[in-house]
Protein backbone atom coordinates (compact mmCIF):
# COMPACT_ATOMS: atom_id res chain seq x y z
CA MET A 1 -0.35 -0.11 0.33
CA HIS A 2 1.01 3.25 -1.14
CA TYR A 3 -0.26 6.63 -0.03
CA ASP A 4 -1.66 9.15 -2.81
CA ASP A 5 -0.52 12.53 -3.36
CA GLN A 6 -2.78 14.61 -1.81
CA ALA A 7 -2.18 12.78 1.56
CA LEU A 8 1.50 12.80 0.96
CA PHE A 9 1.60 16.74 0.59
CA GLU A 10 -0.59 16.88 3.50
CA TYR A 11 1.92 15.20 5.74
CA VAL A 12 5.14 17.59 3.67
CA GLU A 13 3.17 20.68 4.52
CA GLY A 14 2.59 19.23 7.86
CA THR A 15 -1.27 19.42 7.95
CA SER A 16 -1.91 15.78 7.88
CA SER A 17 -3.91 13.98 10.82
CA ILE A 18 -2.07 10.83 10.38
CA SER A 19 1.42 12.02 10.05
CA SER A 20 3.14 9.42 12.46
CA ALA A 21 2.13 6.66 10.43
CA ILE A 22 2.77 8.04 7.58
CA GLU A 23 6.54 9.23 8.54
CA SER A 24 6.45 5.01 9.62
CA HIS A 25 5.79 3.80 6.49
CA VAL A 26 7.63 6.65 4.07
CA SER A 27 10.72 5.56 6.28
CA SER A 28 10.68 2.20 4.47
CA CYS A 29 8.92 2.67 1.71
CA GLU A 30 11.23 3.76 -1.55
CA ARG A 31 8.48 5.16 -3.63
CA CYS A 32 6.91 7.33 -0.90
CA SER A 33 10.09 8.26 0.22
CA ALA A 34 10.64 9.73 -3.15
CA GLU A 35 7.24 11.31 -3.56
CA VAL A 36 7.88 13.19 -0.16
CA GLY A 37 10.99 14.37 -1.69
CA GLU A 38 9.59 15.63 -5.01
CA GLN A 39 6.36 17.13 -2.54
CA ARG A 40 9.06 19.26 -1.08
CA GLU A 41 10.69 20.57 -3.88
CA MET A 42 7.37 21.62 -5.43
CA ILE A 43 6.77 23.40 -2.14
CA ALA A 44 10.41 24.73 -2.46
CA HIS A 45 9.58 26.19 -6.07
CA LEU A 46 6.42 27.55 -5.23
CA SER A 47 7.70 29.36 -2.39
CA SER A 48 10.12 31.42 -5.09
CA SER A 49 9.04 34.78 -6.06
CA GLU A 50 10.12 34.56 -9.10
CA VAL A 51 7.08 31.65 -9.57
CA TRP A 52 4.80 34.13 -8.67
CA ALA A 53 6.12 36.83 -10.30
CA GLU A 54 4.45 35.95 -13.71
CA THR A 55 0.80 36.65 -14.71
CA PRO A 56 -1.85 35.21 -12.38
CA ALA A 57 -2.87 32.91 -14.96
CA ALA A 58 0.65 30.74 -15.15
CA PRO A 59 0.47 29.91 -11.22
CA ARG A 60 -2.79 27.92 -12.29
CA LYS A 61 -1.15 26.44 -15.13
CA PHE A 62 1.55 24.70 -13.35
CA VAL A 63 -1.03 23.25 -10.64
CA LEU A 64 -3.30 21.87 -13.67
CA ASP A 65 0.72 20.50 -15.52
CA VAL A 66 1.29 18.97 -11.84
CA ALA A 67 -2.18 17.57 -11.47
CA ALA A 68 -2.25 16.27 -15.20
CA PHE A 69 1.56 15.00 -14.72
CA ALA A 70 0.49 13.10 -11.54
CA GLU A 71 -2.28 11.10 -13.12
CA GLN A 72 -0.11 10.15 -15.85
CA ALA A 73 2.77 9.02 -13.32
CA ARG A 74 -0.03 6.84 -11.41
CA LYS A 75 -1.00 5.38 -14.95
CA GLU A 76 2.56 4.35 -15.78
CA GLU A 77 3.52 2.99 -12.13
CA GLN A 78 0.36 0.93 -12.89
CA ASP A 79 1.50 -0.65 -16.05
CA ALA A 80 5.23 -1.24 -15.06
CA ALA A 81 4.00 -3.24 -11.73
CA ALA A 82 1.91 -5.41 -14.28
CA LEU A 83 5.24 -5.35 -16.19
CA CYS A 84 7.64 -6.54 -14.01
CA ASP A 85 5.45 -9.40 -12.57
CA ARG A 86 5.58 -10.60 -15.83
CA ILE A 87 9.12 -10.50 -16.27
CA PHE A 88 10.72 -11.12 -12.70
CA ILE A 89 9.93 -14.69 -13.11
CA GLY A 90 13.01 -17.42 -13.21
CA PRO A 91 16.84 -16.62 -13.10
CA ALA A 92 18.02 -13.37 -13.10
CA ALA A 93 19.73 -13.57 -16.25
CA TRP A 94 16.33 -14.10 -18.20
CA TRP A 95 15.17 -10.89 -17.24
CA PRO A 96 16.93 -8.33 -19.63
CA GLN A 97 15.68 -10.06 -22.66
CA ARG A 98 12.32 -10.61 -21.38
CA LEU A 99 12.32 -6.61 -20.57
CA ARG A 100 13.34 -5.99 -24.25
CA GLN A 101 11.23 -8.51 -26.29
CA SER A 102 7.81 -7.37 -23.81
CA GLY A 103 7.41 -4.21 -26.59
CA SER A 104 6.61 -1.71 -23.80
CA ALA A 105 8.09 1.41 -24.09
CA PRO A 106 10.88 2.79 -21.35
CA THR A 107 9.06 5.02 -18.76
CA ALA A 108 9.51 6.87 -16.26
CA GLY A 109 7.04 5.02 -14.28
CA LEU A 110 8.99 2.25 -14.99
CA VAL A 111 12.32 2.72 -13.40
CA LYS A 112 10.45 3.88 -10.36
CA GLU A 113 9.31 0.44 -9.81
CA LEU A 114 12.48 -1.02 -10.99
CA LEU A 115 13.84 0.84 -8.36
CA GLU A 116 11.32 0.11 -5.73
CA ARG A 117 11.77 -3.69 -6.69
CA SER A 118 15.69 -3.44 -6.40
CA VAL A 119 15.56 -2.42 -2.75
CA SER A 120 13.00 -6.06 -1.61
CA ALA A 121 15.23 -7.84 -3.82
CA GLY A 122 18.24 -6.30 -1.94
CA ASN A 123 17.05 -8.47 0.57
CA SER A 124 16.72 -11.55 -0.14
CA SER A 125 19.29 -11.37 -3.28
CA PRO A 126 22.02 -8.99 -3.59
CA ALA A 127 22.63 -10.35 -7.28
CA ASN A 128 19.24 -9.65 -8.46
CA ALA A 129 18.85 -6.20 -6.79
CA LEU A 130 21.81 -5.52 -8.89
CA GLN A 131 20.77 -7.11 -11.99
CA ILE A 132 17.35 -4.85 -11.55
CA THR A 133 19.61 -1.63 -10.62
CA ALA A 134 21.07 -1.98 -13.77
CA LEU A 135 17.84 -2.48 -15.85
CA ALA A 136 16.91 0.56 -14.29
CA ILE A 137 19.50 2.66 -15.98
CA GLU A 138 19.01 1.06 -18.93
CA THR A 139 15.71 2.01 -18.51
CA ALA A 140 15.91 5.55 -17.40
CA ASN A 141 18.96 6.42 -20.45
CA ALA A 142 16.13 5.83 -23.04
CA LEU A 143 13.76 7.76 -21.62
CA ASP A 144 12.93 11.15 -23.79
CA VAL A 145 13.45 13.81 -22.04
CA ALA A 146 11.18 16.06 -23.88
CA CYS A 147 7.83 13.53 -22.73
CA TYR A 148 8.62 15.02 -19.21
CA PRO A 149 8.56 18.09 -17.26
CA CYS A 150 11.91 20.12 -16.12
CA ASP A 151 14.55 17.84 -15.28
CA TYR A 152 12.57 14.80 -13.88
CA VAL A 153 14.30 12.41 -16.10
CA ILE A 154 17.60 13.40 -14.73
CA LYS A 155 16.79 13.09 -11.65
CA LEU A 156 15.57 9.50 -12.39
CA ARG A 157 18.58 8.96 -14.17
CA ALA A 158 20.69 10.08 -10.87
CA GLN A 159 18.29 7.91 -8.71
CA ALA A 160 19.10 4.71 -10.69
CA ASN A 161 22.66 5.51 -10.96
CA ARG A 162 22.95 5.87 -6.90
CA ASP A 163 20.71 2.51 -5.98
CA HIS A 164 23.33 0.61 -8.73
CA ALA A 165 25.84 2.01 -6.85
CA TYR A 166 24.77 0.97 -3.39
CA ALA A 167 24.07 -2.49 -5.18
CA LEU A 168 27.51 -3.03 -6.35
CA SER A 169 28.84 -1.83 -2.52
CA PHE A 170 26.69 -4.85 -1.28
CA VAL A 171 28.46 -7.16 -3.41
CA GLY A 172 31.59 -5.81 -2.72
CA ARG A 173 32.63 -3.97 -5.58
CA TYR A 174 33.55 -0.94 -4.27
CA PRO A 175 35.63 0.93 -7.10
CA GLU A 176 32.73 0.61 -9.36
CA ALA A 177 30.39 1.60 -7.13
CA LEU A 178 32.14 4.71 -6.90
CA GLU A 179 32.06 5.29 -10.32
CA PHE A 180 28.35 5.28 -10.15
CA THR A 181 28.32 7.32 -7.23
CA ASP A 182 30.20 10.42 -9.39
CA ARG A 183 28.04 9.54 -12.20
CA ALA A 184 24.99 10.13 -10.06
CA LYS A 185 26.14 13.42 -8.65
CA ARG A 186 27.00 14.80 -12.01
CA LEU A 187 23.48 14.24 -12.75
CA PHE A 188 22.19 15.28 -9.81
CA ASP A 189 24.13 18.68 -10.26
CA GLN A 190 21.83 19.33 -13.25
CA THR A 191 18.56 19.50 -10.99
CA PRO A 192 16.97 22.51 -9.42
CA LEU A 193 17.20 21.97 -5.74
CA PRO A 194 19.25 19.12 -5.35
CA ASP A 195 20.53 19.41 -1.58
CA TYR A 196 18.27 16.58 -0.21
CA ASP A 197 19.02 14.50 -2.78
CA LEU A 198 22.65 14.74 -2.74
CA ALA A 199 22.37 14.48 1.04
CA ARG A 200 21.46 10.75 0.56
CA LEU A 201 23.42 10.25 -2.20
CA ALA A 202 26.50 11.07 0.40
CA LEU A 203 25.05 8.58 2.51
CA VAL A 204 25.44 6.00 0.18
CA LYS A 205 28.96 7.18 -1.06
CA ALA A 206 30.05 7.33 2.52
CA SER A 207 29.29 4.04 3.15
CA ILE A 208 31.54 2.70 0.21
CA LEU A 209 34.03 4.88 1.32
CA ARG A 210 34.36 3.58 4.80
CA LEU A 211 34.49 -0.02 3.54
CA ILE A 212 37.86 1.00 1.71
CA GLU A 213 39.22 2.84 4.74
CA ARG A 214 39.00 6.47 3.32
CA VAL A 215 37.08 6.69 7.16
CA ASP A 216 38.04 10.61 7.23
CA GLU A 217 36.19 11.70 3.78
CA ALA A 218 33.51 9.15 4.69
CA LEU A 219 32.74 11.27 8.19
CA VAL A 220 32.59 14.46 6.41
CA LEU A 221 30.49 13.15 4.02
CA ILE A 222 27.66 11.61 6.44
CA GLN A 223 28.03 15.10 8.84
CA GLU A 224 26.93 17.10 5.74
CA ALA A 225 23.98 14.85 4.78
CA ALA A 226 22.75 15.02 8.19
CA ALA A 227 22.81 18.82 8.46
CA THR A 228 20.71 18.87 5.77
CA PHE A 229 18.36 16.56 7.08
CA ARG A 230 17.84 18.32 9.62
CA ARG A 231 17.24 21.37 7.83
CA PHE A 232 14.57 19.57 5.87
CA GLY A 233 13.16 18.19 9.34
CA ASP A 234 13.54 14.76 7.86
CA LYS A 235 14.32 12.96 11.72
CA THR A 236 14.15 9.35 10.02
CA ARG A 237 16.99 9.88 7.83
CA GLN A 238 18.96 12.28 10.38
CA ALA A 239 18.70 9.04 12.15
CA VAL A 240 19.93 6.55 9.21
CA ALA A 241 23.00 9.69 9.16
CA LEU A 242 23.73 8.81 12.85
CA MET A 243 23.53 5.32 12.61
CA THR A 244 25.78 5.40 9.48
CA GLU A 245 28.56 7.61 10.98
CA ALA A 246 28.01 4.80 13.93
CA SER A 247 29.17 2.54 11.73
CA THR A 248 32.17 4.09 10.11
CA HIS A 249 33.58 4.15 14.13
CA TYR A 250 32.76 0.85 13.85
CA LEU A 251 34.60 0.02 11.08
CA ARG A 252 37.95 2.33 12.34
CA ASN A 253 37.79 -0.03 15.38
CA ASP A 254 35.92 2.80 17.90
CA VAL A 255 33.11 0.29 19.11
CA GLU A 256 32.95 2.23 22.10
CA LYS A 257 31.85 5.45 20.40
CA ALA A 258 29.97 2.87 17.53
CA LEU A 259 27.65 1.68 20.64
CA ALA A 260 27.09 5.29 22.33
CA ILE A 261 25.73 6.45 19.25
CA TRP A 262 23.24 3.63 18.33
CA LYS A 263 22.41 3.62 22.07
CA GLU A 264 21.43 7.03 21.14
CA VAL A 265 19.59 6.23 18.59
CA GLU A 266 17.77 3.43 20.09
CA GLN A 267 16.82 6.14 23.20
CA SER A 268 16.05 9.02 21.52
CA TYR A 269 15.58 8.22 17.95
CA PRO A 270 13.50 5.10 17.66
CA PRO A 271 13.15 3.70 14.00
CA ALA A 272 9.99 3.98 13.05
CA ASP A 273 10.01 0.86 11.22
CA GLU A 274 10.66 -2.85 12.03
CA LEU A 275 13.20 -3.52 9.44
CA SER A 276 15.64 -0.62 10.64
CA SER A 277 14.61 -1.29 14.49
CA ILE A 278 16.30 -4.80 13.90
CA ARG A 279 19.43 -3.39 12.28
CA LEU A 280 19.98 -1.56 15.17
CA ALA A 281 19.73 -4.00 17.43
CA HIS A 282 22.06 -5.98 14.87
CA ASN A 283 24.81 -3.33 15.25
CA ILE A 284 24.74 -2.80 18.82
CA ALA A 285 24.90 -6.65 19.48
CA LEU A 286 28.25 -6.58 17.31
CA CYS A 287 29.30 -4.12 19.08
CA TYR A 288 28.59 -6.01 22.47
CA SER A 289 30.17 -9.25 21.08
CA ASP A 290 33.56 -7.02 20.10
CA LEU A 291 33.83 -5.63 23.34
CA GLY A 292 33.85 -9.13 25.17
CA ARG A 293 29.99 -9.03 26.21
CA PRO A 294 28.81 -11.91 24.05
CA GLU A 295 26.38 -12.66 26.46
CA HIS A 296 24.55 -8.88 26.26
CA ALA A 297 25.35 -9.53 22.18
CA ILE A 298 23.04 -12.82 22.31
CA GLN A 299 19.82 -11.36 24.01
CA TYR A 300 19.84 -8.66 21.24
CA ILE A 301 20.81 -11.30 18.31
CA VAL A 302 18.44 -14.34 18.62
CA ARG A 303 15.54 -11.23 18.55
CA CYS A 304 17.17 -10.17 15.04
CA ILE A 305 17.30 -14.07 13.85
CA ASP A 306 13.81 -14.39 14.36
CA GLU A 307 12.53 -11.12 13.00
CA TYR A 308 14.37 -11.36 9.79
CA ALA A 309 13.06 -14.36 9.15
CA MET A 310 9.52 -13.29 10.02
CA LEU A 311 10.16 -10.46 7.82
CA GLY A 312 11.84 -12.90 5.18
CA VAL A 313 14.97 -10.66 4.61
CA GLU A 314 17.09 -13.72 3.73
CA THR A 315 20.57 -11.71 3.71
CA GLU A 316 20.47 -9.73 6.93
CA ARG A 317 18.99 -13.00 9.00
CA THR A 318 22.05 -14.58 7.82
CA ARG A 319 24.71 -11.82 8.68
CA SER A 320 22.59 -12.02 12.27
CA ARG A 321 23.32 -15.66 12.42
CA TRP A 322 27.09 -15.24 11.72
CA LEU A 323 27.21 -13.23 14.94
CA LEU A 324 25.58 -15.87 16.58
CA GLY A 325 28.03 -18.22 15.80
CA HIS A 326 30.03 -15.64 16.61
CA ALA A 327 28.99 -14.81 20.30
CA LEU A 328 28.83 -18.29 21.08
CA ALA A 329 32.11 -19.12 20.29
CA ALA A 330 33.11 -16.26 22.39
CA CYS A 331 31.52 -17.71 25.38
CA GLY A 332 33.23 -20.39 25.00
CA LYS A 333 30.06 -22.61 23.89
CA PHE A 334 32.45 -23.66 20.83
CA GLN A 335 30.22 -27.14 19.83
CA ASP A 336 26.99 -25.28 19.73
CA ALA A 337 28.65 -22.56 17.54
CA VAL A 338 29.98 -24.91 14.77
CA PRO A 339 26.22 -25.94 13.35
CA ILE A 340 25.42 -22.15 13.44
CA LEU A 341 28.86 -21.21 11.47
CA ARG A 342 27.95 -24.17 9.18
CA GLN A 343 24.60 -23.21 8.07
CA THR A 344 25.55 -19.56 7.90
CA TRP A 345 28.63 -20.68 5.32
CA ARG A 346 26.03 -22.41 3.16
CA GLU A 347 23.64 -19.72 3.10
CA PHE A 348 25.97 -17.06 1.92
CA GLU A 349 27.08 -19.44 -0.66
CA GLN A 350 23.63 -19.82 -2.32
CA LEU A 351 23.23 -15.63 -1.73
CA GLU A 352 26.56 -15.92 -3.97
CA MET A 353 28.27 -13.44 -1.31
CA ILE A 354 31.26 -15.15 -1.79
CA ALA A 355 33.91 -13.08 0.38
CA ASP A 356 31.07 -13.22 3.41
CA ALA A 357 30.77 -17.24 3.06
CA GLY A 358 34.49 -17.39 2.79
CA LEU A 359 35.20 -15.41 5.91
CA VAL A 360 32.41 -17.64 8.12
CA ALA A 361 34.39 -20.61 6.47
CA LEU A 362 37.76 -19.62 8.33
CA GLU A 363 35.32 -18.98 11.47
CA LEU A 364 34.21 -22.43 10.86
CA THR A 365 37.82 -23.81 10.49
CA GLU A 366 39.00 -21.99 13.70
CA THR A 367 35.95 -23.36 16.11
CA LEU A 368 37.01 -26.86 14.59
CA LEU A 369 40.74 -26.54 15.45
CA VAL A 370 40.07 -25.42 19.27
CA LEU A 371 37.74 -28.67 19.37
CA GLY A 372 40.66 -30.63 18.04
CA GLN A 373 38.08 -31.56 15.29
CA ASN A 374 40.74 -31.60 12.54
CA ASP A 375 39.45 -34.29 9.96
CA GLU A 376 37.70 -31.48 8.24
CA VAL A 377 39.51 -28.22 7.82
CA PRO A 378 41.84 -29.64 5.15
CA ALA A 379 38.21 -30.16 3.17
CA ILE A 380 37.24 -26.87 3.97
CA CYS A 381 39.96 -25.05 2.86
CA ARG A 382 39.47 -26.72 -0.98
CA ASP A 383 36.31 -25.76 -0.58
CA ILE A 384 37.57 -21.99 -0.25
CA ILE A 385 40.07 -21.68 -2.31
CA GLY A 386 37.56 -22.89 -5.12
CA GLN A 387 35.22 -20.36 -4.71
CA PHE A 388 37.33 -17.86 -4.16
CA THR A 389 38.74 -18.96 -7.72
CA ARG A 390 35.67 -19.13 -9.43
CA ALA A 391 34.71 -16.16 -8.39
CA GLY A 392 37.94 -14.07 -9.48
CA MET A 393 39.13 -13.23 -5.93
CA ALA A 394 42.45 -11.44 -5.78
CA SER A 395 45.31 -13.13 -6.01
CA ARG A 396 46.62 -11.86 -2.73
CA ALA A 397 43.14 -13.69 -1.25
CA MET A 398 44.61 -16.67 -2.74
CA THR A 399 48.17 -16.84 -1.93
CA ALA A 400 46.87 -16.28 2.15
CA LEU A 401 44.53 -19.27 1.53
CA SER A 402 47.21 -21.36 -0.17
CA PHE A 403 49.29 -21.04 2.82
CA LEU A 404 46.50 -22.02 4.75
CA ARG A 405 46.16 -24.99 3.19
CA GLU A 406 50.06 -25.87 3.08
CA ALA A 407 50.15 -25.38 6.95
CA VAL A 408 46.88 -27.67 7.09
CA ALA A 409 48.84 -30.53 5.08
CA MET A 410 51.43 -30.20 7.37
CA GLY A 411 49.48 -30.40 10.19
CA GLN A 412 50.88 -27.04 11.56
CA ALA A 413 47.52 -25.16 10.95
CA THR A 414 46.08 -23.29 14.64
CA PRO A 415 43.05 -20.88 15.43
CA SER A 416 45.96 -18.54 15.86
CA LEU A 417 46.88 -19.07 11.84
CA VAL A 418 43.53 -19.10 10.62
CA GLN A 419 42.55 -15.78 12.27
CA HIS A 420 45.49 -14.25 10.81
CA VAL A 421 44.42 -15.14 7.39
CA SER A 422 40.96 -13.99 8.11
CA ALA A 423 42.00 -10.72 9.28
CA PHE A 424 44.05 -10.24 5.78
CA LEU A 425 41.45 -11.28 3.80
CA ARG A 426 38.78 -8.83 5.71
CA LYS A 427 41.07 -6.07 4.33
CA LEU A 428 41.46 -6.77 1.01
CA PRO A 429 38.67 -4.49 -0.04
CA ALA A 430 40.54 -1.57 0.92
CA GLU A 431 43.09 -2.57 -1.94
CA GLN A 432 45.88 -1.86 -0.34
CA PRO A 433 49.37 -2.92 -2.25
CA ARG A 434 50.71 -4.95 -0.01
CA LEU A 435 51.91 -8.62 0.45
CA PHE A 436 50.51 -11.86 2.60
CA ALA A 437 53.49 -12.86 4.77
CA PRO A 438 53.16 -15.29 7.53
CA PRO A 439 52.12 -14.27 10.81
CA PRO A 440 55.16 -13.14 13.27
CA ALA A 441 57.18 -15.28 15.21
CA GLY A 442 55.52 -16.65 18.15
CA LEU A 443 51.79 -15.62 17.43
CA GLU A 444 51.76 -19.75 16.75
């Protein structure tokens, strides 16, 4: 269910009697969130003295044109939803050809529908989300700018590039993701009043920069975005900016600061939608685990797994299950951790998240070595190397894994050695020019 233009306009104007319900819905609905942003832009246009300096007939014509376009957009989105229902069946590799063979002309409504579906697809299959955002870019580029008012098409193209960047970052393709954020910015810069959209783009870019260890740049973007959301009165996205800032501090190993911010959000900016609330709980659990308080982490994480499963959010449920296995091992409950880690490993493989699958497999290997159950370790190492090879992972990753395999073959593999290899692989997305080296003497 989506709110109509009138309800969203009243919400933006501050006269809605159901503003709390709309705010909760908008925080989790990409389509309505975009509509709210467009309504804010329209109000900003109408508050400009230049608009009202025209003859009395001009404003009336403007409103009539807006109404006519709203009806056109509604019809396009209706048709696009039906078209996508027919296309998104079977393997994702079939979808582009099905769209091209459908005979349907590209429309702005189709671009919006594709972007909305990419959000839900990302919760269950990042690879599918990537395919959908690529189709959105292709469709947006095929639109005729003369068929839509003002810079509407340019803005849609920018949004498609932004969402594609996010999908690329989710599967670990960080350099490509940054290229698409730059493309999106160039397009947004061509539109009137781009501040709000640029703030949303800044959060996407910051989430990528922090993963490649450009943390200072990420923090500047996050703080600028938060200031913009505050200026627009968008408390929901302001909370998102705070959560992004916390995750950035977490990645720079300032876990205490990250936990403090996430707890502040939990107490002062409780997420309006269930999914954001669960993600916040997951992040808090992650901090407790890293700070050596796994008992506190488990209390949060068990709830996350159950609620992600109820919502059908497979990707995040698997991440939470990984954290549960890690926390159980940290509590010394190694036997309980083994089946959890084994299941998590296979689920990441099914989701085609090869890097995460490899890291979980290494944690499983470490746990088995702690238990003295070494028989399965060589097969796990061979499996990881095979997966990484097929995925075209960096040669430095293969060097590290080969070193581990040789240590296993010689009976010299230990939990500390596995930790050393795992720590090295976690830093590979930064693409640092460094070589893998065996652990320093005495680490074993």
